[in-house]
C-alpha cells in the first residue's frame, strides 16, 4: 500500500461522520432508555439461582461473542473469506 492510499483511508468522509453521529446517537438513546427503565422498576428481589443464571448467561454471551470475533479474525487472516 502506498502512503497516499493509507492517508486516504485514515480520514472519514462526510457520510462516514454522519454514520458515526447516528451510531453515537443510538448509543446515547440506548443508555438513556436503560437507565430510565432500571430506575422505573424499583427494588426487585432475586434469588441466588436468579443471580447464578444472570451471571452465567452474561458470561456465555460474552464467550460466544468473543469466539465469533476470533473466528472472524482467523478467517480474515487466512484468506477464507474471499
Protein backbone atom coordinates (compact mmCIF):
# COMPACT_ATOMS: atom_id res chain seq x y z
CA UNK A 1 0.00 0.00 0.00
CA UNK A 2 1.21 3.48 -0.79
CA UNK A 3 1.35 6.27 1.77
CA UNK A 4 -1.31 8.27 -0.13
CA UNK A 5 -3.75 5.35 -0.02
CA UNK A 6 -3.10 4.88 3.69
CA UNK A 7 -3.73 8.57 4.42
CA UNK A 8 -6.99 8.50 2.41
CA UNK A 9 -8.27 5.55 4.44
CA UNK A 10 -7.37 7.19 7.77
CA UNK A 11 -9.89 10.03 7.31
CA UNK A 12 -13.66 9.72 7.35
CA UNK A 13 -15.75 11.17 4.56
CA UNK A 14 -18.87 13.20 5.19
CA UNK A 15 -21.08 10.13 5.07
CA UNK A 16 -18.71 8.36 7.48
CA UNK A 17 -19.05 11.18 10.01
CA UNK A 18 -22.82 11.13 9.54
CA UNK A 19 -22.93 7.37 10.17
CA UNK A 20 -20.74 7.83 13.25
CA UNK A 21 -23.02 10.58 14.57
CA UNK A 22 -26.11 8.39 14.04
CA UNK A 23 -24.48 5.45 15.83
CA UNK A 24 -23.42 7.64 18.76
CA UNK A 25 -27.00 8.93 18.90
CA UNK A 26 -28.29 5.35 19.06
CA UNK A 27 -25.81 4.59 21.84
CA UNK A 28 -26.90 7.62 23.85
CA UNK A 29 -30.57 6.73 23.36
CA UNK A 30 -29.99 3.11 24.40
CA UNK A 31 -28.12 4.15 27.56
CA UNK A 32 -30.81 6.71 28.43
CA UNK A 33 -33.60 4.13 27.98
CA UNK A 34 -31.68 1.54 30.01
CA UNK A 35 -31.09 3.97 32.89
CA UNK A 36 -34.69 5.21 32.99
CA UNK A 37 -36.11 1.68 32.84
CA UNK A 38 -33.71 0.45 35.53
CA UNK A 39 -34.85 3.29 37.81
CA UNK A 40 -38.52 2.65 36.99
CA UNK A 41 -38.57 -1.00 38.06
CA UNK A 42 -37.61 -0.15 41.64
CA UNK A 43 -36.36 -2.75 44.07
CA UNK A 44 -36.59 -6.31 42.79
CA UNK A 45 -35.75 -9.35 44.89
CA UNK A 46 -33.81 -12.05 43.06
CA UNK A 47 -32.92 -15.46 44.44
CA UNK A 48 -29.45 -16.98 44.42
CA UNK A 49 -30.47 -19.11 41.44
CA UNK A 50 -31.53 -15.94 39.61
CA UNK A 51 -28.12 -14.34 40.20
CA UNK A 52 -26.36 -17.51 39.05
CA UNK A 53 -28.49 -17.55 35.89
CA UNK A 54 -27.83 -13.85 35.25
CA UNK A 55 -24.06 -14.16 35.67
CA UNK A 56 -23.92 -17.45 33.74
CA UNK A 57 -25.95 -16.07 30.84
CA UNK A 58 -23.79 -12.95 30.69
CA UNK A 59 -20.57 -14.97 30.65
CA UNK A 60 -21.88 -17.32 27.97
CA UNK A 61 -22.99 -14.37 25.84
CA UNK A 62 -19.56 -12.72 26.10
CA UNK A 63 -17.82 -16.06 25.35
CA UNK A 64 -19.94 -16.67 22.24
CA UNK A 65 -19.33 -13.12 21.01
CA UNK A 66 -15.59 -13.44 21.64
CA UNK A 67 -15.48 -16.81 19.90
CA UNK A 68 -17.28 -15.45 16.86
CA UNK A 69 -14.91 -12.49 16.68
CA UNK A 70 -11.94 -14.87 16.96
CA UNK A 71 -13.32 -16.92 14.05
CA UNK A 72 -13.84 -13.73 12.05
CA UNK A 73 -10.24 -12.61 12.56
CA UNK A 74 -8.91 -16.12 11.91
CA UNK A 75 -10.79 -16.44 8.62
CA UNK A 76 -9.68 -12.95 7.59
CA UNK A 77 -6.00 -13.67 8.32
CA UNK A 78 -6.07 -17.00 6.44
CA UNK A 79 -7.99 -15.63 3.42
CA UNK A 80 -11.03 -17.88 3.91
CA UNK A 81 -13.43 -15.01 3.31
CA UNK A 82 -12.50 -14.20 -0.26
